[in-house]
Amino acid sequence: MIAHITGQLFRKTTQSVIIEAGGIGYEVFVPLSTFYALPEQDETVSLHIYTHVREDALLLFGFSSRLEKELFLMLISVSGIGPKLAVNILSGIGPQELLDAMAKGDANRLQTIPGVGKKTAERIVLELKEKAIRLGGEREEAQGPAAAVDDALCSDALSALVNLGYSAKAAKKAVDKARQTVNNNSLELLIKEALRVLS
């Protein structure tokens, strides 16, 4: 089982990255929280890995921090939540905010994440509240700056939000609003600000 990868960042998208290590390119699915933390292409990257084995595939999921991986493992322990939905949840809410919401039993906040219905949110809170409290769910998350002006970046951000399950109309409105508050060309920060608008 692969638990950790360090190598050269060959390619990155908002859904997955390819890391070249030992002459092999590993495709690793990542949440947006990890995407924000990635270095530039061709630089060295190091990710915590969860290896998901199915009959027809071997999938790798990567995380920039141990907290993200622990939250991912907690989420997939809940009935009805598979790895892809767990990554989607981590993409729709910051790791610390997710931890706080679970620790407080805030099912309403979890329901704002695309793909998470009322029953799933309630199951997460019911099954993970105590674990979240133990993990230290009340720490405050450091907020990053907002971002982006470039039309191409806005288009990429819009595509990422639609892939996360938001409607094109809501995503465009959020990106347009986020664009007004930013002062540099950073895709990850633009997406982060747009998600904040949508939440």
C-alpha atoms as a PDB file:
ATOM      1  CA  MET A   1       0.000   0.000   0.000  1.00  0.00           C
ATOM      2  CA  ILE A   2       1.304   3.460  -0.952  1.00  0.00           C
ATOM      3  CA  ALA A   3       1.133   5.816   2.048  1.00  0.00           C
ATOM      4  CA  HIS A   4       3.313   8.735   0.934  1.00  0.00           C
ATOM      5  CA  ILE A   5       4.771  10.075  -2.322  1.00  0.00           C
ATOM      6  CA  THR A   6       7.539  12.608  -2.877  1.00  0.00           C
ATOM      7  CA  GLY A   7       8.470  13.481  -6.440  1.00  0.00           C
ATOM      8  CA  GLN A   8       8.349  16.028  -9.232  1.00  0.00           C
ATOM      9  CA  LEU A   9       5.007  17.676  -9.997  1.00  0.00           C
ATOM     10  CA  PHE A  10       4.492  16.711 -13.646  1.00  0.00           C
ATOM     11  CA  ARG A  11       0.964  18.106 -14.074  1.00  0.00           C
ATOM     12  CA  LYS A  12      -1.765  19.571 -11.881  1.00  0.00           C
ATOM     13  CA  THR A  13      -5.485  20.211 -12.313  1.00  0.00           C
ATOM     14  CA  THR A  14      -8.183  20.992  -9.777  1.00  0.00           C
ATOM     15  CA  GLN A  15      -9.160  17.292  -9.738  1.00  0.00           C
ATOM     16  CA  SER A  16      -5.868  15.391  -9.862  1.00  0.00           C
ATOM     17  CA  VAL A  17      -2.105  15.681 -10.127  1.00  0.00           C
ATOM     18  CA  ILE A  18       0.572  13.551 -11.737  1.00  0.00           C
ATOM     19  CA  ILE A  19       3.679  13.079  -9.609  1.00  0.00           C
ATOM     20  CA  GLU A  20       6.776  11.600 -11.209  1.00  0.00           C
ATOM     21  CA  ALA A  21       8.752   9.463  -8.763  1.00  0.00           C
ATOM     22  CA  GLY A  22      11.371   6.884  -9.725  1.00  0.00           C
ATOM     23  CA  GLY A  23      10.554   7.248 -13.410  1.00  0.00           C
ATOM     24  CA  ILE A  24       6.849   6.486 -12.866  1.00  0.00           C
ATOM     25  CA  GLY A  25       4.023   9.024 -13.114  1.00  0.00           C
ATOM     26  CA  TYR A  26       1.404   8.492 -10.408  1.00  0.00           C
ATOM     27  CA  GLU A  27      -2.028  10.049 -10.895  1.00  0.00           C
ATOM     28  CA  VAL A  28      -3.299  11.236  -7.530  1.00  0.00           C
ATOM     29  CA  PHE A  29      -6.793  12.639  -6.907  1.00  0.00           C
ATOM     30  CA  VAL A  30      -6.715  15.677  -4.611  1.00  0.00           C
ATOM     31  CA  PRO A  31      -9.234  17.961  -2.891  1.00  0.00           C
ATOM     32  CA  LEU A  32      -9.095  21.705  -3.619  1.00  0.00           C
ATOM     33  CA  SER A  33      -7.582  22.306  -0.180  1.00  0.00           C
ATOM     34  CA  THR A  34      -4.535  20.309  -1.310  1.00  0.00           C
ATOM     35  CA  PHE A  35      -4.571  21.870  -4.792  1.00  0.00           C
ATOM     36  CA  TYR A  36      -4.152  25.318  -3.172  1.00  0.00           C
ATOM     37  CA  ALA A  37      -0.990  24.100  -1.414  1.00  0.00           C
ATOM     38  CA  LEU A  38       0.701  22.596  -4.490  1.00  0.00           C
ATOM     39  CA  PRO A  39       3.978  24.060  -5.771  1.00  0.00           C
ATOM     40  CA  GLU A  40       4.521  25.053  -9.407  1.00  0.00           C
ATOM     41  CA  GLN A  41       4.923  22.432 -12.130  1.00  0.00           C
ATOM     42  CA  ASP A  42       8.312  20.615 -12.156  1.00  0.00           C
ATOM     43  CA  GLU A  43       8.927  21.458  -8.490  1.00  0.00           C
ATOM     44  CA  THR A  44       9.141  18.827  -5.756  1.00  0.00           C
ATOM     45  CA  VAL A  45       5.880  17.870  -4.082  1.00  0.00           C
ATOM     46  CA  SER A  46       5.199  15.608  -1.114  1.00  0.00           C
ATOM     47  CA  LEU A  47       1.725  14.189  -0.387  1.00  0.00           C
ATOM     48  CA  HIS A  48       0.159  11.886   2.185  1.00  0.00           C
ATOM     49  CA  ILE A  49      -1.546   9.105   0.197  1.00  0.00           C
ATOM     50  CA  TYR A  50      -4.580   6.899   0.680  1.00  0.00           C
ATOM     51  CA  THR A  51      -4.595   3.847  -1.629  1.00  0.00           C
ATOM     52  CA  HIS A  52      -8.089   2.722  -2.619  1.00  0.00           C
ATOM     53  CA  VAL A  53      -8.193  -0.775  -4.116  1.00  0.00           C
ATOM     54  CA  ARG A  54     -11.168  -1.959  -6.178  1.00  0.00           C
ATOM     55  CA  GLU A  55     -11.596  -5.011  -8.380  1.00  0.00           C
ATOM     56  CA  ASP A  56     -11.196  -2.893 -11.498  1.00  0.00           C
ATOM     57  CA  ALA A  57      -8.864  -0.125 -10.314  1.00  0.00           C
ATOM     58  CA  LEU A  58      -6.221   1.077  -7.886  1.00  0.00           C
ATOM     59  CA  LEU A  59      -6.817   4.748  -7.081  1.00  0.00           C
ATOM     60  CA  LEU A  60      -4.554   7.119  -5.159  1.00  0.00           C
ATOM     61  CA  PHE A  61      -5.889  10.057  -3.130  1.00  0.00           C
ATOM     62  CA  GLY A  62      -3.404  12.679  -1.943  1.00  0.00           C
ATOM     63  CA  PHE A  63      -3.370  15.281   0.821  1.00  0.00           C
ATOM     64  CA  SER A  64      -0.956  18.089   1.633  1.00  0.00           C
ATOM     65  CA  SER A  65      -1.497  17.791   5.387  1.00  0.00           C
ATOM     66  CA  ARG A  66      -2.010  14.999   7.867  1.00  0.00           C
ATOM     67  CA  LEU A  67      -5.235  16.698   9.055  1.00  0.00           C
ATOM     68  CA  GLU A  68      -6.762  16.417   5.564  1.00  0.00           C
ATOM     69  CA  LYS A  69      -5.890  12.729   5.362  1.00  0.00           C
ATOM     70  CA  GLU A  70      -7.313  12.065   8.844  1.00  0.00           C
ATOM     71  CA  LEU A  71     -10.553  13.858   7.914  1.00  0.00           C
ATOM     72  CA  PHE A  72     -10.726  11.859   4.663  1.00  0.00           C
ATOM     73  CA  LEU A  73     -10.307   8.571   6.570  1.00  0.00           C
ATOM     74  CA  MET A  74     -13.004   9.652   9.041  1.00  0.00           C
ATOM     75  CA  LEU A  75     -15.404  10.519   6.210  1.00  0.00           C
ATOM     76  CA  ILE A  76     -14.989   7.232   4.320  1.00  0.00           C
ATOM     77  CA  SER A  77     -15.700   5.341   7.558  1.00  0.00           C
ATOM     78  CA  VAL A  78     -19.271   6.719   7.368  1.00  0.00           C
ATOM     79  CA  SER A  79     -21.766   4.454   5.603  1.00  0.00           C
ATOM     80  CA  GLY A  80     -22.563   5.716   2.106  1.00  0.00           C
ATOM     81  CA  ILE A  81     -19.472   7.914   1.726  1.00  0.00           C
ATOM     82  CA  GLY A  82     -16.875   6.699  -0.754  1.00  0.00           C
ATOM     83  CA  PRO A  83     -13.472   8.225  -1.516  1.00  0.00           C
ATOM     84  CA  LYS A  84     -14.725  10.488  -4.323  1.00  0.00           C
ATOM     85  CA  LEU A  85     -17.502  11.996  -2.197  1.00  0.00           C
ATOM     86  CA  ALA A  86     -15.029  12.437   0.682  1.00  0.00           C
ATOM     87  CA  VAL A  87     -12.677  14.370  -1.640  1.00  0.00           C
ATOM     88  CA  ASN A  88     -15.659  16.424  -2.850  1.00  0.00           C
ATOM     89  CA  ILE A  89     -16.545  17.283   0.763  1.00  0.00           C
ATOM     90  CA  LEU A  90     -12.948  18.379   1.473  1.00  0.00           C
ATOM     91  CA  SER A  91     -13.085  20.496  -1.703  1.00  0.00           C
ATOM     92  CA  GLY A  92     -16.304  22.199  -0.640  1.00  0.00           C
ATOM     93  CA  ILE A  93     -15.172  23.230   2.840  1.00  0.00           C
ATOM     94  CA  GLY A  94     -11.772  23.937   4.408  1.00  0.00           C
ATOM     95  CA  PRO A  95     -10.301  21.172   6.613  1.00  0.00           C
ATOM     96  CA  GLN A  96     -10.481  23.218   9.822  1.00  0.00           C
ATOM     97  CA  GLU A  97     -14.010  24.448   9.049  1.00  0.00           C
ATOM     98  CA  LEU A  98     -15.100  20.857   8.373  1.00  0.00           C
ATOM     99  CA  LEU A  99     -13.577  19.724  11.653  1.00  0.00           C
ATOM    100  CA  ASP A 100     -15.333  22.545  13.529  1.00  0.00           C
ATOM    101  CA  ALA A 101     -18.696  21.815  11.844  1.00  0.00           C
ATOM    102  CA  MET A 102     -18.472  18.133  12.801  1.00  0.00           C
ATOM    103  CA  ALA A 103     -17.385  18.939  16.362  1.00  0.00           C
ATOM    104  CA  LYS A 104     -20.302  21.358  16.783  1.00  0.00           C
ATOM    105  CA  GLY A 105     -22.799  18.962  15.183  1.00  0.00           C
ATOM    106  CA  ASP A 106     -23.568  21.562  12.474  1.00  0.00           C
ATOM    107  CA  ALA A 107     -25.356  19.380   9.886  1.00  0.00           C
ATOM    108  CA  ASN A 108     -26.785  22.489   8.175  1.00  0.00           C
ATOM    109  CA  ARG A 109     -23.302  23.716   7.254  1.00  0.00           C
ATOM    110  CA  LEU A 110     -22.427  20.306   5.805  1.00  0.00           C
ATOM    111  CA  GLN A 111     -25.588  20.329   3.662  1.00  0.00           C
ATOM    112  CA  THR A 112     -24.295  23.402   1.784  1.00  0.00           C
ATOM    113  CA  ILE A 113     -21.592  21.202   0.205  1.00  0.00           C
ATOM    114  CA  PRO A 114     -22.615  19.864  -3.252  1.00  0.00           C
ATOM    115  CA  GLY A 115     -23.375  16.141  -3.097  1.00  0.00           C
ATOM    116  CA  VAL A 116     -24.163  16.151   0.634  1.00  0.00           C
ATOM    117  CA  GLY A 117     -27.851  15.746   1.395  1.00  0.00           C
ATOM    118  CA  LYS A 118     -29.647  16.012   4.721  1.00  0.00           C
ATOM    119  CA  LYS A 119     -29.310  12.327   5.633  1.00  0.00           C
ATOM    120  CA  THR A 120     -25.606  12.204   4.742  1.00  0.00           C
ATOM    121  CA  ALA A 121     -24.911  15.384   6.746  1.00  0.00           C
ATOM    122  CA  GLU A 122     -26.767  13.986   9.757  1.00  0.00           C
ATOM    123  CA  ARG A 123     -24.886  10.678   9.491  1.00  0.00           C
ATOM    124  CA  ILE A 124     -21.540  12.505   9.388  1.00  0.00           C
ATOM    125  CA  VAL A 125     -22.415  14.510  12.500  1.00  0.00           C
ATOM    126  CA  LEU A 126     -23.810  11.489  14.356  1.00  0.00           C
ATOM    127  CA  GLU A 127     -20.874   9.196  13.629  1.00  0.00           C
ATOM    128  CA  LEU A 128     -17.967  11.665  13.665  1.00  0.00           C
ATOM    129  CA  LYS A 129     -18.782  14.337  16.256  1.00  0.00           C
ATOM    130  CA  GLU A 130     -16.817  12.698  19.091  1.00  0.00           C
ATOM    131  CA  LYS A 131     -13.845  11.921  16.830  1.00  0.00           C
ATOM    132  CA  ALA A 132     -13.834  15.517  15.559  1.00  0.00           C
ATOM    133  CA  ILE A 133     -13.849  16.871  19.125  1.00  0.00           C
ATOM    134  CA  ARG A 134     -10.904  14.592  19.956  1.00  0.00           C
ATOM    135  CA  LEU A 135      -9.061  15.780  16.861  1.00  0.00           C
ATOM    136  CA  GLY A 136      -9.341  19.354  18.118  1.00  0.00           C
ATOM    137  CA  GLY A 137     -12.278  20.730  16.197  1.00  0.00           C
ATOM    138  CA  GLU A 138     -12.301  24.219  17.638  1.00  0.00           C
ATOM    139  CA  ARG A 139      -9.002  25.580  16.285  1.00  0.00           C
ATOM    140  CA  GLU A 140      -9.293  28.618  14.051  1.00  0.00           C
ATOM    141  CA  GLU A 141      -8.336  28.351  10.413  1.00  0.00           C
ATOM    142  CA  ALA A 142      -5.949  30.955   9.081  1.00  0.00           C
ATOM    143  CA  GLN A 143      -7.633  32.761   6.217  1.00  0.00           C
ATOM    144  CA  GLY A 144      -5.713  33.352   3.008  1.00  0.00           C
ATOM    145  CA  PRO A 145      -6.045  36.401   0.751  1.00  0.00           C
ATOM    146  CA  ALA A 146      -8.600  36.596  -2.046  1.00  0.00           C
ATOM    147  CA  ALA A 147      -7.701  36.506  -5.764  1.00  0.00           C
ATOM    148  CA  ALA A 148      -7.728  36.810  -9.621  1.00  0.00           C
ATOM    149  CA  VAL A 149      -8.480  39.069 -12.546  1.00  0.00           C
ATOM    150  CA  ASP A 150      -7.509  37.228 -15.716  1.00  0.00           C
ATOM    151  CA  ASP A 151     -10.354  36.008 -18.001  1.00  0.00           C
ATOM    152  CA  ALA A 152      -8.679  32.632 -18.563  1.00  0.00           C
ATOM    153  CA  LEU A 153      -8.371  32.130 -14.793  1.00  0.00           C
ATOM    154  CA  CYS A 154     -12.042  33.006 -14.332  1.00  0.00           C
ATOM    155  CA  SER A 155     -12.935  30.407 -16.950  1.00  0.00           C
ATOM    156  CA  ASP A 156     -10.798  27.764 -15.179  1.00  0.00           C
ATOM    157  CA  ALA A 157     -12.351  28.644 -11.818  1.00  0.00           C
ATOM    158  CA  LEU A 158     -15.851  28.404 -13.313  1.00  0.00           C
ATOM    159  CA  SER A 159     -15.029  24.963 -14.740  1.00  0.00           C
ATOM    160  CA  ALA A 160     -13.695  23.765 -11.364  1.00  0.00           C
ATOM    161  CA  LEU A 161     -16.854  24.887  -9.531  1.00  0.00           C
ATOM    162  CA  VAL A 162     -19.132  23.221 -12.104  1.00  0.00           C
ATOM    163  CA  ASN A 163     -17.109  20.004 -11.708  1.00  0.00           C
ATOM    164  CA  LEU A 164     -17.742  20.239  -7.961  1.00  0.00           C
ATOM    165  CA  GLY A 165     -21.487  20.175  -8.592  1.00  0.00           C
ATOM    166  CA  TYR A 166     -22.469  23.864  -8.540  1.00  0.00           C
ATOM    167  CA  SER A 167     -24.751  25.089 -11.327  1.00  0.00           C
ATOM    168  CA  ALA A 168     -23.058  27.114 -14.081  1.00  0.00           C
ATOM    169  CA  LYS A 169     -25.211  30.142 -13.211  1.00  0.00           C
ATOM    170  CA  ALA A 170     -24.378  30.081  -9.470  1.00  0.00           C
ATOM    171  CA  ALA A 171     -20.709  29.381 -10.197  1.00  0.00           C
ATOM    172  CA  LYS A 172     -20.430  32.305 -12.644  1.00  0.00           C
ATOM    173  CA  LYS A 173     -22.082  34.673 -10.190  1.00  0.00           C
ATOM    174  CA  ALA A 174     -19.675  33.575  -7.432  1.00  0.00           C
ATOM    175  CA  VAL A 175     -16.601  33.888  -9.681  1.00  0.00           C
ATOM    176  CA  ASP A 176     -17.682  37.364 -10.856  1.00  0.00           C
ATOM    177  CA  LYS A 177     -18.139  38.486  -7.262  1.00  0.00           C
ATOM    178  CA  ALA A 178     -14.847  36.929  -6.163  1.00  0.00           C
ATOM    179  CA  ARG A 179     -13.065  38.624  -9.054  1.00  0.00           C
ATOM    180  CA  GLN A 180     -14.034  42.065  -7.731  1.00  0.00           C
ATOM    181  CA  THR A 181     -12.284  41.496  -4.401  1.00  0.00           C
ATOM    182  CA  VAL A 182      -8.968  40.241  -5.737  1.00  0.00           C
ATOM    183  CA  ASN A 183      -5.668  41.819  -6.620  1.00  0.00           C
ATOM    184  CA  ASN A 184      -3.503  39.066  -8.144  1.00  0.00           C
ATOM    185  CA  ASN A 185      -3.674  36.284 -10.732  1.00  0.00           C
ATOM    186  CA  SER A 186      -3.995  33.115  -8.666  1.00  0.00           C
ATOM    187  CA  LEU A 187      -6.426  30.374  -9.706  1.00  0.00           C
ATOM    188  CA  GLU A 188      -6.429  28.667  -6.314  1.00  0.00           C
ATOM    189  CA  LEU A 189      -7.216  31.887  -4.454  1.00  0.00           C
ATOM    190  CA  LEU A 190      -9.952  32.813  -6.923  1.00  0.00           C
ATOM    191  CA  ILE A 191     -11.607  29.399  -6.440  1.00  0.00           C
ATOM    192  CA  LYS A 192     -11.236  29.697  -2.662  1.00  0.00           C
ATOM    193  CA  GLU A 193     -12.909  33.132  -2.661  1.00  0.00           C
ATOM    194  CA  ALA A 194     -15.704  31.909  -4.970  1.00  0.00           C
ATOM    195  CA  LEU A 195     -16.353  28.947  -2.640  1.00  0.00           C
ATOM    196  CA  ARG A 196     -16.545  31.391   0.269  1.00  0.00           C
ATOM    197  CA  VAL A 197     -19.170  33.384  -1.668  1.00  0.00           C
ATOM    198  CA  LEU A 198     -21.156  30.196  -2.353  1.00  0.00           C
ATOM    199  CA  SER A 199     -21.069  28.908   1.242  1.00  0.00           C
END
